Amino acid sequence: MKDQKKKQKVKKGEYGYLAHQRKLEIAKTAVLFCLSLAVYLSGYITTGTNKNLLTIVAVLGCLPASRSAVGMIMFLRAKGCSEEMHRRILPHAKGLPQLYDVVLTSYDATFELVHMVFCGNSLIGLTVDPKCRTDACEKHLKEMLAKDAIRDVHVKIFQDTPKYLNRLDQLRELSGEDTQTGAVFSLVRAISI
């Protein structure tokens, strides 16, 4: 039983994170709205009118529920890495430090990356969204890295899957220790939903 619970917990950056988090956000939002409704109904049933203190508490309870609904909508819009894409990437990225289901937001746009790898001071990512502006995503990542004092990182976002897989194969051939992997991935996790 404990093994099943451990398997169900998917951390940010792991394959299936968006699908798992989507379910949690839906459940959390539903519970928060139901809680506000229950408080309202209990006040209405006990007093027979809307004009009571529990109505105010129920309305105030809608604030965190609405905030949760915004998060839920973000996760509902994000698609994540498909099973087919995961199977295609897996053999090429074996042994490389990698992240899945990364959704970055900037002031201007949202960038959904299905996969990212950091190796040899190269941070590369793959988006399957044809509307994604890869140059803007690269610029955003470079700015975030610079703000976090992470230097000498080359950022490249691909929309062409075969080119991305080819680049993964090239990175696998590189040998050497990356001293910045933890810092780069911590930053990417922190700035993604």
C-alpha atoms as a PDB file:
ATOM      1  CA  MET A   1       0.000   0.000   0.000  1.00  0.00           C
ATOM      2  CA  LYS A   2       2.831   2.420   0.819  1.00  0.00           C
ATOM      3  CA  ASP A   3       4.478   1.700  -2.538  1.00  0.00           C
ATOM      4  CA  GLN A   4       1.312   2.757  -4.362  1.00  0.00           C
ATOM      5  CA  LYS A   5       1.171   6.064  -2.465  1.00  0.00           C
ATOM      6  CA  LYS A   6       4.810   6.739  -3.278  1.00  0.00           C
ATOM      7  CA  LYS A   7       4.174   6.044  -6.951  1.00  0.00           C
ATOM      8  CA  GLN A   8       1.178   8.394  -6.964  1.00  0.00           C
ATOM      9  CA  LYS A   9       3.234  11.332  -5.641  1.00  0.00           C
ATOM     10  CA  VAL A  10       4.695  13.022  -8.699  1.00  0.00           C
ATOM     11  CA  LYS A  11       7.132  15.865  -8.099  1.00  0.00           C
ATOM     12  CA  LYS A  12       7.499  18.974 -10.220  1.00  0.00           C
ATOM     13  CA  GLY A  13       9.678  18.177 -13.225  1.00  0.00           C
ATOM     14  CA  GLU A  14       8.830  14.485 -13.363  1.00  0.00           C
ATOM     15  CA  TYR A  15       6.908  12.905 -16.206  1.00  0.00           C
ATOM     16  CA  GLY A  16       3.163  13.118 -15.524  1.00  0.00           C
ATOM     17  CA  TYR A  17       3.415  16.049 -13.111  1.00  0.00           C
ATOM     18  CA  LEU A  18       0.848  18.211 -14.917  1.00  0.00           C
ATOM     19  CA  ALA A  19      -1.743  15.429 -15.121  1.00  0.00           C
ATOM     20  CA  HIS A  20      -1.274  14.601 -11.438  1.00  0.00           C
ATOM     21  CA  GLN A  21      -1.361  18.244 -10.336  1.00  0.00           C
ATOM     22  CA  ARG A  22      -4.429  18.898 -12.489  1.00  0.00           C
ATOM     23  CA  LYS A  23      -6.399  16.294 -10.507  1.00  0.00           C
ATOM     24  CA  LEU A  24      -5.222  17.739  -7.187  1.00  0.00           C
ATOM     25  CA  GLU A  25      -6.154  21.304  -8.181  1.00  0.00           C
ATOM     26  CA  ILE A  26      -9.637  20.236  -9.323  1.00  0.00           C
ATOM     27  CA  ALA A  27     -10.233  18.407  -6.043  1.00  0.00           C
ATOM     28  CA  LYS A  28      -8.880  21.283  -3.922  1.00  0.00           C
ATOM     29  CA  THR A  29     -11.010  23.851  -5.754  1.00  0.00           C
ATOM     30  CA  ALA A  30     -14.155  21.738  -5.428  1.00  0.00           C
ATOM     31  CA  VAL A  31     -13.574  21.215  -1.692  1.00  0.00           C
ATOM     32  CA  LEU A  32     -13.016  24.932  -1.071  1.00  0.00           C
ATOM     33  CA  PHE A  33     -16.185  25.961  -2.918  1.00  0.00           C
ATOM     34  CA  CYS A  34     -18.203  23.203  -1.213  1.00  0.00           C
ATOM     35  CA  LEU A  35     -16.909  24.365   2.163  1.00  0.00           C
ATOM     36  CA  SER A  36     -18.066  27.931   1.463  1.00  0.00           C
ATOM     37  CA  LEU A  37     -21.436  26.633   0.306  1.00  0.00           C
ATOM     38  CA  ALA A  38     -21.786  24.499   3.443  1.00  0.00           C
ATOM     39  CA  VAL A  39     -21.021  27.486   5.689  1.00  0.00           C
ATOM     40  CA  TYR A  40     -23.554  29.608   3.819  1.00  0.00           C
ATOM     41  CA  LEU A  41     -26.259  26.919   3.960  1.00  0.00           C
ATOM     42  CA  SER A  42     -25.702  26.262   7.642  1.00  0.00           C
ATOM     43  CA  GLY A  43     -26.156  29.964   8.379  1.00  0.00           C
ATOM     44  CA  TYR A  44     -29.229  30.204   6.180  1.00  0.00           C
ATOM     45  CA  ILE A  45     -30.835  27.083   7.633  1.00  0.00           C
ATOM     46  CA  THR A  46     -30.233  28.079  11.252  1.00  0.00           C
ATOM     47  CA  THR A  47     -31.334  31.724  10.931  1.00  0.00           C
ATOM     48  CA  GLY A  48     -33.740  31.555   7.989  1.00  0.00           C
ATOM     49  CA  THR A  49     -32.126  34.601   6.347  1.00  0.00           C
ATOM     50  CA  ASN A  50     -29.030  35.620   4.407  1.00  0.00           C
ATOM     51  CA  LYS A  51     -28.330  38.404   6.882  1.00  0.00           C
ATOM     52  CA  ASN A  52     -26.016  36.599   9.299  1.00  0.00           C
ATOM     53  CA  LEU A  53     -22.358  36.321  10.159  1.00  0.00           C
ATOM     54  CA  LEU A  54     -21.957  32.958   8.415  1.00  0.00           C
ATOM     55  CA  THR A  55     -22.923  34.543   5.074  1.00  0.00           C
ATOM     56  CA  ILE A  56     -19.973  36.920   5.436  1.00  0.00           C
ATOM     57  CA  VAL A  57     -17.693  34.014   6.346  1.00  0.00           C
ATOM     58  CA  ALA A  58     -18.936  32.057   3.307  1.00  0.00           C
ATOM     59  CA  VAL A  59     -18.320  35.021   0.985  1.00  0.00           C
ATOM     60  CA  LEU A  60     -14.828  35.477   2.404  1.00  0.00           C
ATOM     61  CA  GLY A  61     -14.291  31.733   1.946  1.00  0.00           C
ATOM     62  CA  CYS A  62     -14.861  32.236  -1.764  1.00  0.00           C
ATOM     63  CA  LEU A  63     -11.609  34.234  -1.993  1.00  0.00           C
ATOM     64  CA  PRO A  64      -9.228  31.285  -1.476  1.00  0.00           C
ATOM     65  CA  ALA A  65     -11.572  29.097  -3.533  1.00  0.00           C
ATOM     66  CA  SER A  66     -11.382  31.567  -6.415  1.00  0.00           C
ATOM     67  CA  ARG A  67      -7.601  31.754  -6.117  1.00  0.00           C
ATOM     68  CA  SER A  68      -7.515  27.978  -6.300  1.00  0.00           C
ATOM     69  CA  ALA A  69      -9.780  28.088  -9.363  1.00  0.00           C
ATOM     70  CA  VAL A  70      -7.247  30.296 -11.160  1.00  0.00           C
ATOM     71  CA  GLY A  71      -4.515  27.726 -10.475  1.00  0.00           C
ATOM     72  CA  MET A  72      -6.822  24.952 -11.620  1.00  0.00           C
ATOM     73  CA  ILE A  73      -7.488  26.752 -14.914  1.00  0.00           C
ATOM     74  CA  MET A  74      -3.729  27.111 -15.494  1.00  0.00           C
ATOM     75  CA  PHE A  75      -3.276  23.370 -15.037  1.00  0.00           C
ATOM     76  CA  LEU A  76      -6.297  22.555 -17.210  1.00  0.00           C
ATOM     77  CA  ARG A  77      -4.848  24.606 -20.078  1.00  0.00           C
ATOM     78  CA  ALA A  78      -1.416  22.944 -19.898  1.00  0.00           C
ATOM     79  CA  LYS A  79      -1.168  19.752 -21.915  1.00  0.00           C
ATOM     80  CA  GLY A  80       2.126  18.243 -20.763  1.00  0.00           C
ATOM     81  CA  CYS A  81       4.217  15.557 -22.390  1.00  0.00           C
ATOM     82  CA  SER A  82       2.205  12.903 -24.201  1.00  0.00           C
ATOM     83  CA  GLU A  83       2.890   9.214 -23.704  1.00  0.00           C
ATOM     84  CA  GLU A  84       4.080   8.914 -27.316  1.00  0.00           C
ATOM     85  CA  MET A  85       6.513  11.828 -26.935  1.00  0.00           C
ATOM     86  CA  HIS A  86       7.748  10.417 -23.642  1.00  0.00           C
ATOM     87  CA  ARG A  87       8.546   7.104 -25.355  1.00  0.00           C
ATOM     88  CA  ARG A  88      10.385   8.934 -28.157  1.00  0.00           C
ATOM     89  CA  ILE A  89      12.474  11.070 -25.796  1.00  0.00           C
ATOM     90  CA  LEU A  90      13.331   8.411 -23.209  1.00  0.00           C
ATOM     91  CA  PRO A  91      16.069   6.519 -25.088  1.00  0.00           C
ATOM     92  CA  HIS A  92      17.747   9.740 -26.248  1.00  0.00           C
ATOM     93  CA  ALA A  93      17.758  11.392 -22.806  1.00  0.00           C
ATOM     94  CA  LYS A  94      18.863   8.353 -20.810  1.00  0.00           C
ATOM     95  CA  GLY A  95      21.414   9.383 -18.201  1.00  0.00           C
ATOM     96  CA  LEU A  96      20.953  13.122 -18.721  1.00  0.00           C
ATOM     97  CA  PRO A  97      19.563  15.443 -16.028  1.00  0.00           C
ATOM     98  CA  GLN A  98      16.064  16.199 -17.287  1.00  0.00           C
ATOM     99  CA  LEU A  99      12.728  17.791 -16.500  1.00  0.00           C
ATOM    100  CA  TYR A 100       9.278  17.096 -17.955  1.00  0.00           C
ATOM    101  CA  ASP A 101       6.113  19.191 -18.124  1.00  0.00           C
ATOM    102  CA  VAL A 102       7.632  22.641 -17.581  1.00  0.00           C
ATOM    103  CA  VAL A 103       5.219  25.558 -17.997  1.00  0.00           C
ATOM    104  CA  LEU A 104       6.887  28.959 -17.726  1.00  0.00           C
ATOM    105  CA  THR A 105       4.996  32.213 -17.516  1.00  0.00           C
ATOM    106  CA  SER A 106       6.323  35.664 -18.289  1.00  0.00           C
ATOM    107  CA  TYR A 107       4.542  39.012 -18.391  1.00  0.00           C
ATOM    108  CA  ASP A 108       3.891  38.558 -22.107  1.00  0.00           C
ATOM    109  CA  ALA A 109       3.351  34.854 -22.689  1.00  0.00           C
ATOM    110  CA  THR A 110       3.167  31.317 -21.381  1.00  0.00           C
ATOM    111  CA  PHE A 111       5.724  28.789 -22.617  1.00  0.00           C
ATOM    112  CA  GLU A 112       4.918  25.096 -22.358  1.00  0.00           C
ATOM    113  CA  LEU A 113       7.963  22.846 -22.631  1.00  0.00           C
ATOM    114  CA  VAL A 114       7.374  19.105 -22.646  1.00  0.00           C
ATOM    115  CA  HIS A 115      11.008  18.265 -21.876  1.00  0.00           C
ATOM    116  CA  MET A 116      14.210  20.004 -20.776  1.00  0.00           C
ATOM    117  CA  VAL A 117      17.801  18.858 -20.333  1.00  0.00           C
ATOM    118  CA  PHE A 118      20.840  20.539 -18.834  1.00  0.00           C
ATOM    119  CA  CYS A 119      24.268  19.237 -19.776  1.00  0.00           C
ATOM    120  CA  GLY A 120      27.601  20.838 -20.557  1.00  0.00           C
ATOM    121  CA  ASN A 121      26.332  24.333 -19.764  1.00  0.00           C
ATOM    122  CA  SER A 122      23.551  23.871 -22.330  1.00  0.00           C
ATOM    123  CA  LEU A 123      19.929  24.152 -21.261  1.00  0.00           C
ATOM    124  CA  ILE A 124      17.735  22.828 -24.035  1.00  0.00           C
ATOM    125  CA  GLY A 125      14.007  22.321 -24.194  1.00  0.00           C
ATOM    126  CA  LEU A 126      11.310  21.026 -26.514  1.00  0.00           C
ATOM    127  CA  THR A 127       7.943  22.594 -27.139  1.00  0.00           C
ATOM    128  CA  VAL A 128       5.269  20.984 -29.283  1.00  0.00           C
ATOM    129  CA  ASP A 129       3.156  24.134 -29.367  1.00  0.00           C
ATOM    130  CA  PRO A 130       3.463  25.656 -32.865  1.00  0.00           C
ATOM    131  CA  LYS A 131       2.454  29.075 -31.473  1.00  0.00           C
ATOM    132  CA  CYS A 132       5.275  29.125 -28.917  1.00  0.00           C
ATOM    133  CA  ARG A 133       7.761  31.903 -29.583  1.00  0.00           C
ATOM    134  CA  THR A 134      11.003  30.081 -28.898  1.00  0.00           C
ATOM    135  CA  ASP A 135      13.102  33.237 -29.061  1.00  0.00           C
ATOM    136  CA  ALA A 136      10.989  34.881 -26.342  1.00  0.00           C
ATOM    137  CA  CYS A 137      11.198  31.734 -24.212  1.00  0.00           C
ATOM    138  CA  GLU A 138      14.987  31.632 -24.568  1.00  0.00           C
ATOM    139  CA  LYS A 139      15.212  35.315 -23.648  1.00  0.00           C
ATOM    140  CA  HIS A 140      12.993  34.791 -20.597  1.00  0.00           C
ATOM    141  CA  LEU A 141      15.082  31.858 -19.382  1.00  0.00           C
ATOM    142  CA  LYS A 142      18.334  33.791 -19.908  1.00  0.00           C
ATOM    143  CA  GLU A 143      16.957  36.717 -17.917  1.00  0.00           C
ATOM    144  CA  MET A 144      15.860  34.449 -15.070  1.00  0.00           C
ATOM    145  CA  LEU A 145      19.249  32.700 -15.018  1.00  0.00           C
ATOM    146  CA  ALA A 146      21.039  36.066 -14.934  1.00  0.00           C
ATOM    147  CA  LYS A 147      18.828  37.296 -12.074  1.00  0.00           C
ATOM    148  CA  ASP A 148      19.747  34.168 -10.120  1.00  0.00           C
ATOM    149  CA  ALA A 149      23.480  34.759 -10.833  1.00  0.00           C
ATOM    150  CA  ILE A 150      23.821  31.638 -12.981  1.00  0.00           C
ATOM    151  CA  ARG A 151      26.306  32.464 -15.726  1.00  0.00           C
ATOM    152  CA  ASP A 152      27.628  30.875 -18.920  1.00  0.00           C
ATOM    153  CA  VAL A 153      24.510  28.858 -19.727  1.00  0.00           C
ATOM    154  CA  HIS A 154      23.493  28.517 -23.365  1.00  0.00           C
ATOM    155  CA  VAL A 155      19.714  28.253 -23.791  1.00  0.00           C
ATOM    156  CA  LYS A 156      18.069  26.710 -26.858  1.00  0.00           C
ATOM    157  CA  ILE A 157      14.390  25.841 -27.256  1.00  0.00           C
ATOM    158  CA  PHE A 158      13.414  23.499 -30.096  1.00  0.00           C
ATOM    159  CA  GLN A 159      10.102  23.078 -31.905  1.00  0.00           C
ATOM    160  CA  ASP A 160      11.445  20.414 -34.242  1.00  0.00           C
ATOM    161  CA  THR A 161      11.431  17.058 -32.436  1.00  0.00           C
ATOM    162  CA  PRO A 162      14.016  15.262 -34.637  1.00  0.00           C
ATOM    163  CA  LYS A 163      16.499  18.123 -34.184  1.00  0.00           C
ATOM    164  CA  TYR A 164      15.887  18.051 -30.441  1.00  0.00           C
ATOM    165  CA  LEU A 165      16.440  14.297 -30.260  1.00  0.00           C
ATOM    166  CA  ASN A 166      19.632  14.698 -32.303  1.00  0.00           C
ATOM    167  CA  ARG A 167      20.860  17.362 -29.860  1.00  0.00           C
ATOM    168  CA  LEU A 168      20.070  15.037 -26.940  1.00  0.00           C
ATOM    169  CA  ASP A 169      22.252  12.365 -28.545  1.00  0.00           C
ATOM    170  CA  GLN A 170      25.073  14.903 -28.906  1.00  0.00           C
ATOM    171  CA  LEU A 171      24.785  15.910 -25.254  1.00  0.00           C
ATOM    172  CA  ARG A 172      24.871  12.277 -24.127  1.00  0.00           C
ATOM    173  CA  GLU A 173      28.240  11.901 -25.827  1.00  0.00           C
ATOM    174  CA  LEU A 174      29.654  14.779 -23.784  1.00  0.00           C
ATOM    175  CA  SER A 175      31.326  13.675 -20.618  1.00  0.00           C
ATOM    176  CA  GLY A 176      32.027  15.838 -17.654  1.00  0.00           C
ATOM    177  CA  GLU A 177      30.604  17.038 -14.405  1.00  0.00           C
ATOM    178  CA  ASP A 178      28.054  19.812 -14.437  1.00  0.00           C
ATOM    179  CA  THR A 179      28.392  21.914 -11.327  1.00  0.00           C
ATOM    180  CA  GLN A 180      25.362  24.052 -12.109  1.00  0.00           C
ATOM    181  CA  THR A 181      22.731  21.381 -12.757  1.00  0.00           C
ATOM    182  CA  GLY A 182      21.146  21.639  -9.320  1.00  0.00           C
ATOM    183  CA  ALA A 183      21.001  25.432  -9.403  1.00  0.00           C
ATOM    184  CA  VAL A 184      19.593  25.557 -12.942  1.00  0.00           C
ATOM    185  CA  PHE A 185      16.901  22.962 -12.275  1.00  0.00           C
ATOM    186  CA  SER A 186      15.987  24.541  -8.945  1.00  0.00           C
ATOM    187  CA  LEU A 187      15.433  27.830 -10.739  1.00  0.00           C
ATOM    188  CA  VAL A 188      13.398  26.244 -13.553  1.00  0.00           C
ATOM    189  CA  ARG A 189      11.185  24.425 -11.010  1.00  0.00           C
ATOM    190  CA  ALA A 190      10.733  27.649  -9.040  1.00  0.00           C
ATOM    191  CA  ILE A 191       9.597  29.703 -12.037  1.00  0.00           C
ATOM    192  CA  SER A 192       7.287  27.057 -13.534  1.00  0.00           C
ATOM    193  CA  ILE A 193       3.753  26.250 -12.438  1.00  0.00           C
END
